[in-house]
C-alpha atoms as a PDB file:
ATOM      1  CA  MET A   1      31.467  -8.470   2.958  1.00  0.00           C
ATOM      2  CA  THR A   2      34.464 -10.024   1.391  1.00  0.00           C
ATOM      3  CA  LEU A   3      33.827 -13.520   0.157  1.00  0.00           C
ATOM      4  CA  PRO A   4      36.237 -16.092   0.790  1.00  0.00           C
ATOM      5  CA  GLU A   5      38.674 -17.845  -1.685  1.00  0.00           C
ATOM      6  CA  PRO A   6      37.718 -21.510  -2.405  1.00  0.00           C
ATOM      7  CA  ALA A   7      39.057 -24.010   0.392  1.00  0.00           C
ATOM      8  CA  ALA A   8      42.311 -25.655  -0.544  1.00  0.00           C
ATOM      9  CA  CYS A   9      42.230 -29.305  -0.396  1.00  0.00           C
ATOM     10  CA  ALA A  10      39.418 -29.628   2.411  1.00  0.00           C
ATOM     11  CA  PRO A  11      38.774 -33.230   3.296  1.00  0.00           C
ATOM     12  CA  GLU A  12      35.506 -34.422   1.417  1.00  0.00           C
ATOM     13  CA  PRO A  13      32.627 -35.339   3.902  1.00  0.00           C
ATOM     14  CA  TRP A  14      31.979 -38.140   1.714  1.00  0.00           C
ATOM     15  CA  GLU A  15      35.224 -39.818   1.708  1.00  0.00           C
ATOM     16  CA  SER A  16      33.838 -41.855   4.924  1.00  0.00           C
ATOM     17  CA  PHE A  17      31.189 -43.337   2.614  1.00  0.00           C
ATOM     18  CA  PRO A  18      32.473 -46.893   1.309  1.00  0.00           C
ATOM     19  CA  PRO A  19      32.119 -47.177  -2.333  1.00  0.00           C
ATOM     20  CA  LEU A  20      28.812 -48.829  -3.163  1.00  0.00           C
ATOM     21  CA  LEU A  21      29.178 -50.391  -6.591  1.00  0.00           C
ATOM     22  CA  ARG A  22      26.667 -53.237  -6.295  1.00  0.00           C
ATOM     23  CA  PHE A  23      23.354 -53.362  -4.704  1.00  0.00           C
ATOM     24  CA  PRO A  24      20.986 -56.367  -3.932  1.00  0.00           C
ATOM     25  CA  ASP A  25      18.091 -56.409  -6.513  1.00  0.00           C
ATOM     26  CA  ASP A  26      15.876 -56.788  -3.485  1.00  0.00           C
ATOM     27  CA  LEU A  27      17.372 -53.783  -1.533  1.00  0.00           C
ATOM     28  CA  PRO A  28      14.230 -51.863  -0.204  1.00  0.00           C
ATOM     29  CA  LEU A  29      13.423 -48.641  -2.006  1.00  0.00           C
ATOM     30  CA  GLN A  30      13.805 -46.530   1.294  1.00  0.00           C
ATOM     31  CA  ALA A  31      17.190 -47.990   1.703  1.00  0.00           C
ATOM     32  CA  LEU A  32      18.256 -46.813  -1.723  1.00  0.00           C
ATOM     33  CA  LEU A  33      16.860 -43.173  -0.869  1.00  0.00           C
ATOM     34  CA  LEU A  34      18.272 -43.141   2.320  1.00  0.00           C
ATOM     35  CA  THR A  35      21.576 -43.848   0.931  1.00  0.00           C
ATOM     36  CA  ALA A  36      21.164 -41.474  -1.757  1.00  0.00           C
ATOM     37  CA  THR A  37      19.972 -38.732   0.806  1.00  0.00           C
ATOM     38  CA  ARG A  38      22.757 -39.204   3.052  1.00  0.00           C
ATOM     39  CA  LEU A  39      25.387 -38.955   0.118  1.00  0.00           C
ATOM     40  CA  MET A  40      23.675 -35.907  -1.504  1.00  0.00           C
ATOM     41  CA  GLY A  41      23.851 -34.227   2.123  1.00  0.00           C
ATOM     42  CA  ALA A  42      27.687 -34.857   2.254  1.00  0.00           C
ATOM     43  CA  TYR A  43      28.119 -33.748  -1.339  1.00  0.00           C
ATOM     44  CA  GLY A  44      26.133 -30.644  -0.656  1.00  0.00           C
ATOM     45  CA  GLN A  45      28.078 -29.841   2.230  1.00  0.00           C
ATOM     46  CA  SER A  46      31.129 -30.306   0.337  1.00  0.00           C
ATOM     47  CA  THR A  47      29.897 -27.792  -2.230  1.00  0.00           C
ATOM     48  CA  VAL A  48      29.832 -25.417   0.526  1.00  0.00           C
ATOM     49  CA  GLN A  49      33.423 -26.083   1.736  1.00  0.00           C
ATOM     50  CA  LYS A  50      34.575 -25.860  -1.734  1.00  0.00           C
ATOM     51  CA  ALA A  51      33.113 -22.590  -2.132  1.00  0.00           C
ATOM     52  CA  GLY A  52      35.211 -21.405   0.881  1.00  0.00           C
ATOM     53  CA  LEU A  53      32.250 -20.646   3.117  1.00  0.00           C
ATOM     54  CA  LYS A  54      32.127 -21.209   6.805  1.00  0.00           C
ATOM     55  CA  LEU A  55      28.451 -22.268   6.696  1.00  0.00           C
ATOM     56  CA  SER A  56      26.470 -25.544   7.098  1.00  0.00           C
ATOM     57  CA  LEU A  57      24.268 -26.536   4.469  1.00  0.00           C
ATOM     58  CA  SER A  58      21.282 -25.818   7.013  1.00  0.00           C
ATOM     59  CA  GLY A  59      22.332 -22.247   7.310  1.00  0.00           C
ATOM     60  CA  LEU A  60      22.249 -22.025   3.564  1.00  0.00           C
ATOM     61  CA  GLY A  61      18.793 -23.683   3.517  1.00  0.00           C
ATOM     62  CA  VAL A  62      17.524 -21.229   5.825  1.00  0.00           C
ATOM     63  CA  LEU A  63      18.871 -18.232   3.778  1.00  0.00           C
ATOM     64  CA  ARG A  64      17.588 -19.604   0.446  1.00  0.00           C
ATOM     65  CA  VAL A  65      13.971 -19.820   2.599  1.00  0.00           C
ATOM     66  CA  LEU A  66      14.303 -16.146   3.492  1.00  0.00           C
ATOM     67  CA  ILE A  67      15.335 -14.999   0.002  1.00  0.00           C
ATOM     68  CA  ALA A  68      11.984 -16.663  -1.093  1.00  0.00           C
ATOM     69  CA  GLU A  69       9.899 -14.902   1.482  1.00  0.00           C
ATOM     70  CA  ASP A  70      11.799 -12.501   3.828  1.00  0.00           C
ATOM     71  CA  GLY A  71      10.116 -11.637   7.112  1.00  0.00           C
ATOM     72  CA  LEU A  72       9.073 -15.312   8.432  1.00  0.00           C
ATOM     73  CA  LYS A  73       8.673 -16.322  11.938  1.00  0.00           C
ATOM     74  CA  ALA A  74      10.970 -18.958  12.706  1.00  0.00           C
ATOM     75  CA  SER A  75       8.289 -21.825  12.933  1.00  0.00           C
ATOM     76  CA  GLU A  76       7.515 -21.054   9.361  1.00  0.00           C
ATOM     77  CA  VAL A  77      11.069 -21.070   8.289  1.00  0.00           C
ATOM     78  CA  ALA A  78      11.332 -24.487  10.127  1.00  0.00           C
ATOM     79  CA  GLU A  79       8.403 -25.483   8.375  1.00  0.00           C
ATOM     80  CA  ARG A  80       9.572 -24.577   4.929  1.00  0.00           C
ATOM     81  CA  ALA A  81      13.088 -25.910   5.467  1.00  0.00           C
ATOM     82  CA  TRP A  82      11.546 -29.009   6.647  1.00  0.00           C
ATOM     83  CA  SER A  83      13.438 -28.741   9.926  1.00  0.00           C
ATOM     84  CA  ASN A  84      12.460 -28.730  13.454  1.00  0.00           C
ATOM     85  CA  PRO A  85      12.426 -25.514  15.679  1.00  0.00           C
ATOM     86  CA  GLY A  86      15.198 -26.478  18.066  1.00  0.00           C
ATOM     87  CA  THR A  87      17.451 -27.311  15.428  1.00  0.00           C
ATOM     88  CA  LEU A  88      16.300 -24.059  13.545  1.00  0.00           C
ATOM     89  CA  THR A  89      17.206 -21.855  16.375  1.00  0.00           C
ATOM     90  CA  SER A  90      20.924 -22.967  16.652  1.00  0.00           C
ATOM     91  CA  VAL A  91      21.096 -22.643  12.823  1.00  0.00           C
ATOM     92  CA  VAL A  92      19.507 -18.938  12.942  1.00  0.00           C
ATOM     93  CA  ASN A  93      21.735 -18.347  16.010  1.00  0.00           C
ATOM     94  CA  THR A  94      24.856 -18.827  14.027  1.00  0.00           C
ATOM     95  CA  LEU A  95      23.461 -16.839  11.152  1.00  0.00           C
ATOM     96  CA  VAL A  96      22.620 -13.705  13.314  1.00  0.00           C
ATOM     97  CA  ARG A  97      26.034 -13.974  14.996  1.00  0.00           C
ATOM     98  CA  ASP A  98      27.434 -14.055  11.293  1.00  0.00           C
ATOM     99  CA  GLY A  99      25.581 -11.012  10.260  1.00  0.00           C
ATOM    100  CA  PHE A 100      23.698 -13.186   7.384  1.00  0.00           C
ATOM    101  CA  VAL A 101      20.158 -12.792   9.170  1.00  0.00           C
ATOM    102  CA  GLU A 102      18.603 -10.364  11.735  1.00  0.00           C
ATOM    103  CA  ARG A 103      15.737 -10.910  14.107  1.00  0.00           C
ATOM    104  CA  LYS A 104      13.503  -8.112  14.568  1.00  0.00           C
ATOM    105  CA  PRO A 105      10.026  -7.938  16.490  1.00  0.00           C
ATOM    106  CA  ASP A 106       6.790  -7.875  14.367  1.00  0.00           C
ATOM    107  CA  VAL A 107       5.186  -4.684  13.776  1.00  0.00           C
ATOM    108  CA  GLY A 108       1.930  -5.925  14.952  1.00  0.00           C
ATOM    109  CA  ASP A 109       2.654  -8.160  17.716  1.00  0.00           C
ATOM    110  CA  ARG A 110       5.931  -7.320  19.617  1.00  0.00           C
ATOM    111  CA  ARG A 111       5.939 -10.730  20.914  1.00  0.00           C
ATOM    112  CA  VAL A 112       6.584 -12.413  17.633  1.00  0.00           C
ATOM    113  CA  VAL A 113       9.955 -12.180  16.277  1.00  0.00           C
ATOM    114  CA  ARG A 114      10.546 -12.289  12.545  1.00  0.00           C
ATOM    115  CA  LEU A 115      13.910 -13.250  10.622  1.00  0.00           C
ATOM    116  CA  TYR A 116      15.199 -11.112   7.823  1.00  0.00           C
ATOM    117  CA  ILE A 117      18.102 -11.796   5.386  1.00  0.00           C
ATOM    118  CA  THR A 118      20.816  -9.207   5.443  1.00  0.00           C
ATOM    119  CA  ASP A 119      22.610  -7.893   2.409  1.00  0.00           C
ATOM    120  CA  ALA A 120      25.669 -10.240   3.166  1.00  0.00           C
ATOM    121  CA  GLY A 121      23.417 -13.222   3.624  1.00  0.00           C
ATOM    122  CA  LYS A 122      21.997 -12.454  -0.164  1.00  0.00           C
ATOM    123  CA  ALA A 123      25.333 -12.070  -0.931  1.00  0.00           C
ATOM    124  CA  VAL A 124      26.657 -15.384   0.199  1.00  0.00           C
ATOM    125  CA  VAL A 125      23.899 -17.345  -1.409  1.00  0.00           C
ATOM    126  CA  SER A 126      24.385 -15.575  -4.729  1.00  0.00           C
ATOM    127  CA  TYR A 127      28.232 -16.602  -4.256  1.00  0.00           C
ATOM    128  CA  TYR A 128      27.378 -19.974  -3.492  1.00  0.00           C
ATOM    129  CA  VAL A 129      25.090 -20.822  -6.218  1.00  0.00           C
ATOM    130  CA  SER A 130      27.898 -19.182  -8.889  1.00  0.00           C
ATOM    131  CA  GLN A 131      30.312 -21.584  -7.304  1.00  0.00           C
ATOM    132  CA  ALA A 132      28.347 -24.606  -6.681  1.00  0.00           C
ATOM    133  CA  ALA A 133      26.473 -24.756  -9.959  1.00  0.00           C
ATOM    134  CA  PRO A 134      29.153 -26.467 -11.890  1.00  0.00           C
ATOM    135  CA  ARG A 135      29.531 -29.118  -9.092  1.00  0.00           C
ATOM    136  CA  TRP A 136      25.819 -29.629  -9.075  1.00  0.00           C
ATOM    137  CA  GLN A 137      25.616 -29.793 -12.880  1.00  0.00           C
ATOM    138  CA  LYS A 138      28.593 -32.751 -12.609  1.00  0.00           C
ATOM    139  CA  ALA A 139      26.412 -34.624  -9.860  1.00  0.00           C
ATOM    140  CA  PHE A 140      23.590 -34.999 -12.147  1.00  0.00           C
ATOM    141  CA  ALA A 141      25.636 -35.390 -15.518  1.00  0.00           C
ATOM    142  CA  PHE A 142      24.786 -39.016 -15.518  1.00  0.00           C
ATOM    143  CA  VAL A 143      21.090 -38.203 -16.314  1.00  0.00           C
ATOM    144  CA  THR A 144      20.535 -38.131 -19.890  1.00  0.00           C
ATOM    145  CA  LYS A 145      18.487 -35.449 -21.477  1.00  0.00           C
ATOM    146  CA  GLU A 146      15.868 -38.084 -22.640  1.00  0.00           C
ATOM    147  CA  ASP A 147      15.855 -39.227 -18.963  1.00  0.00           C
ATOM    148  CA  GLU A 148      15.669 -36.048 -17.387  1.00  0.00           C
ATOM    149  CA  PRO A 149      11.712 -35.576 -17.542  1.00  0.00           C
ATOM    150  CA  VAL A 150      11.264 -38.944 -16.034  1.00  0.00           C
ATOM    151  CA  VAL A 151      13.661 -38.525 -13.094  1.00  0.00           C
ATOM    152  CA  ARG A 152      12.365 -34.911 -12.710  1.00  0.00           C
ATOM    153  CA  GLY A 153       8.466 -36.214 -12.415  1.00  0.00           C
ATOM    154  CA  PHE A 154       9.738 -38.914 -10.137  1.00  0.00           C
ATOM    155  CA  PHE A 155      11.150 -36.654  -7.534  1.00  0.00           C
ATOM    156  CA  THR A 156       8.235 -34.083  -8.140  1.00  0.00           C
ATOM    157  CA  SER A 157       5.727 -36.928  -7.354  1.00  0.00           C
ATOM    158  CA  MET A 158       7.915 -38.110  -4.593  1.00  0.00           C
ATOM    159  CA  ILE A 159       7.972 -34.876  -2.723  1.00  0.00           C
ATOM    160  CA  SER A 160       4.352 -34.405  -3.201  1.00  0.00           C
ATOM    161  CA  HIS A 161       3.363 -37.901  -1.932  1.00  0.00           C
ATOM    162  CA  ILE A 162       5.910 -37.630   1.071  1.00  0.00           C
ATOM    163  CA  SER A 163       4.509 -34.167   2.084  1.00  0.00           C
ATOM    164  CA  GLN A 164       1.245 -35.454   1.976  1.00  0.00           C
ATOM    165  CA  LEU A 165       2.056 -38.545   4.191  1.00  0.00           C
ATOM    166  CA  LEU A 166       3.664 -35.843   6.648  1.00  0.00           C
ATOM    167  CA  GLU A 167       0.529 -33.911   6.627  1.00  0.00           C
ATOM    168  CA  GLU A 168      -1.496 -36.834   7.528  1.00  0.00           C
ATOM    169  CA  GLU A 169       0.908 -37.927  10.207  1.00  0.00           C
ATOM    170  CA  ARG A 170       0.622 -34.588  11.765  1.00  0.00           C
ATOM    171  CA  GLY A 171      -2.921 -34.434  11.550  1.00  0.00           C
ATOM    172  CA  THR A 172      -3.252 -31.581   9.499  1.00  0.00           C
END
């Protein structure tokens, strides 16, 4: 597999976002978080484009799930990638078409289909990480070394808390 050269002057997905230099002091936390999340998603997709990959950030997420644990069912990948199964099917179809993922029947139950990352899929993830790492370091360069444990603790607590709320919502 030949990996692409970085894309030349591709339009930045975040260019459609107006600069937000001042926020009202009483802006709800969820509004700040949703804005940050949307911008991070646009920036993340830009890092994929700057690496010259014809891959969605969602596709990259599926590949990273499969690197961590190969041979999962689509529903398991969707759960780990915080995606819904319908969206995941479309993403996986593209990954299969592009040779990054294979679908194989389960050896114990041929009705079950499992997803496996190919060598080409592993190469794409490795290539992306090498290309995007400097951009992600730049994205978080405003966090001081002293503040990093606090920020890390906040995100870890928030992820845990929101995950628990989702489990409660689902009744699990």
